[in-house]
Amino acid sequence: MGSYYVYIISNEHHTVFYTGFTDDLFRRTSEHRDKIRKSFTAKYNCCKLLYYEEFDNAADALHRERLVKRYKRDFKHNLIISMNPEWEDLFEQFLVD
C-alpha cells in the first residue's frame, strides 16, 4: 500500500493555483516543472509546490482533491499558509534527500 497526495502548485507570483492528485508527488511535480504536457500548469507556468496532504487511501485523496478544487481561492490561500507560511517551494525538500 502506497501513499497518495493532494497538492497545490502555483506560479512564481502566486496568481493562479492548481490542485492535483497523485501517487508520486516528486514525479508529478517534476512533470509540472518540466512542462511535459500542454496543460493549464504549463500555460500559466505553475511549478512551485506550495501545499500537499498525504493519504493512505487513493479514494480518500481523490475525494479531498475534488473538495479542494471546489473551494474558492481564499480557502486554498489559507490551506497554504497553514502548512507553508513563508510560501516556499516545498519541492526543494525532496531534492535534499
Protein backbone atom coordinates (compact mmCIF):
# COMPACT_ATOMS: atom_id res chain seq x y z
CA MET A 1 0.00 0.00 0.00
CA GLY A 2 1.45 3.35 -1.04
CA SER A 3 0.89 6.99 -0.34
CA TYR A 4 -1.37 9.34 -2.26
CA TYR A 5 -1.21 13.11 -2.32
CA VAL A 6 -3.39 16.13 -2.93
CA TYR A 7 -1.28 19.14 -3.78
CA ILE A 8 -1.46 22.79 -4.74
CA ILE A 9 1.06 24.35 -7.08
CA SER A 10 1.29 27.91 -8.32
CA ASN A 11 3.34 30.20 -10.48
CA GLU A 12 6.11 32.45 -9.19
CA HIS A 13 3.76 35.35 -8.37
CA HIS A 14 1.00 33.13 -6.90
CA THR A 15 -1.63 34.48 -9.28
CA VAL A 16 -3.07 31.03 -10.08
CA PHE A 17 -3.46 27.84 -8.08
CA TYR A 18 -3.70 24.33 -9.46
CA THR A 19 -4.94 21.46 -7.30
CA GLY A 20 -4.00 17.91 -8.23
CA PHE A 21 -3.87 14.30 -7.07
CA THR A 22 -1.01 11.82 -7.47
CA ASP A 23 0.61 8.70 -6.06
CA ASP A 24 4.12 10.12 -6.61
CA LEU A 25 4.47 13.75 -5.57
CA PHE A 26 8.10 14.09 -6.65
CA ARG A 27 7.44 12.69 -10.14
CA ARG A 28 4.25 14.69 -10.67
CA THR A 29 5.78 17.96 -9.50
CA SER A 30 8.76 17.29 -11.79
CA GLU A 31 6.37 16.81 -14.70
CA HIS A 32 4.73 20.17 -13.98
CA ARG A 33 8.12 21.85 -13.71
CA ASP A 34 9.36 20.29 -16.96
CA LYS A 35 6.11 21.17 -18.77
CA ILE A 36 5.91 17.74 -20.39
CA ARG A 37 2.26 18.29 -21.37
CA LYS A 38 0.43 21.22 -22.89
CA SER A 39 -1.81 21.91 -19.94
CA PHE A 40 -3.13 24.56 -17.57
CA THR A 41 0.01 24.32 -15.45
CA ALA A 42 2.29 24.72 -18.47
CA LYS A 43 0.28 27.65 -19.83
CA TYR A 44 0.39 29.51 -16.51
CA ASN A 45 3.90 28.37 -15.56
CA CYS A 46 2.77 26.59 -12.38
CA CYS A 47 5.80 24.84 -10.99
CA LYS A 48 6.01 25.89 -7.34
CA LEU A 49 4.75 23.25 -4.88
CA LEU A 50 3.11 25.18 -2.06
CA TYR A 51 0.95 22.64 -0.24
CA TYR A 52 0.27 18.93 -0.02
CA GLU A 53 -1.64 16.40 2.05
CA GLU A 54 -0.73 12.72 2.28
CA PHE A 55 -3.26 9.88 2.35
CA ASP A 56 -3.00 6.11 2.74
CA ASN A 57 -6.03 5.53 0.55
CA ALA A 58 -6.48 6.65 -3.08
CA ALA A 59 -10.23 7.10 -2.69
CA ASP A 60 -9.77 9.46 0.28
CA ALA A 61 -7.18 11.50 -1.59
CA LEU A 62 -9.34 11.74 -4.71
CA HIS A 63 -12.32 12.83 -2.60
CA ARG A 64 -10.20 15.51 -0.91
CA GLU A 65 -8.90 16.75 -4.27
CA ARG A 66 -12.45 17.20 -5.52
CA LEU A 67 -13.38 19.13 -2.39
CA VAL A 68 -10.34 21.42 -2.54
CA LYS A 69 -10.96 22.11 -6.23
CA ARG A 70 -14.45 23.37 -5.35
CA TYR A 71 -13.16 25.76 -2.72
CA LYS A 72 -12.56 29.37 -3.57
CA ARG A 73 -9.14 30.94 -3.74
CA ASP A 74 -9.26 32.28 -0.16
CA PHE A 75 -9.69 28.77 1.24
CA LYS A 76 -6.71 27.49 -0.77
CA HIS A 77 -4.70 30.51 0.33
CA ASN A 78 -5.43 29.64 3.98
CA LEU A 79 -4.50 25.99 3.42
CA ILE A 80 -1.15 27.07 2.04
CA ILE A 81 -0.49 29.44 4.93
CA SER A 82 -1.36 26.72 7.46
CA MET A 83 1.41 24.48 6.12
CA ASN A 84 3.77 26.88 4.44
CA PRO A 85 3.54 30.43 5.86
CA GLU A 86 6.67 31.54 4.00
CA TRP A 87 5.30 30.35 0.63
CA GLU A 88 8.49 28.37 -0.01
CA ASP A 89 8.75 25.86 -2.82
CA LEU A 90 8.24 22.58 -0.95
CA PHE A 91 9.66 20.64 -3.88
CA GLU A 92 13.10 21.67 -2.65
CA GLN A 93 12.74 19.39 0.39
CA PHE A 94 12.65 16.38 -1.95
CA LEU A 95 15.96 17.37 -3.50
CA VAL A 96 17.79 17.25 -0.15
CA ASP A 97 17.12 13.54 0.43
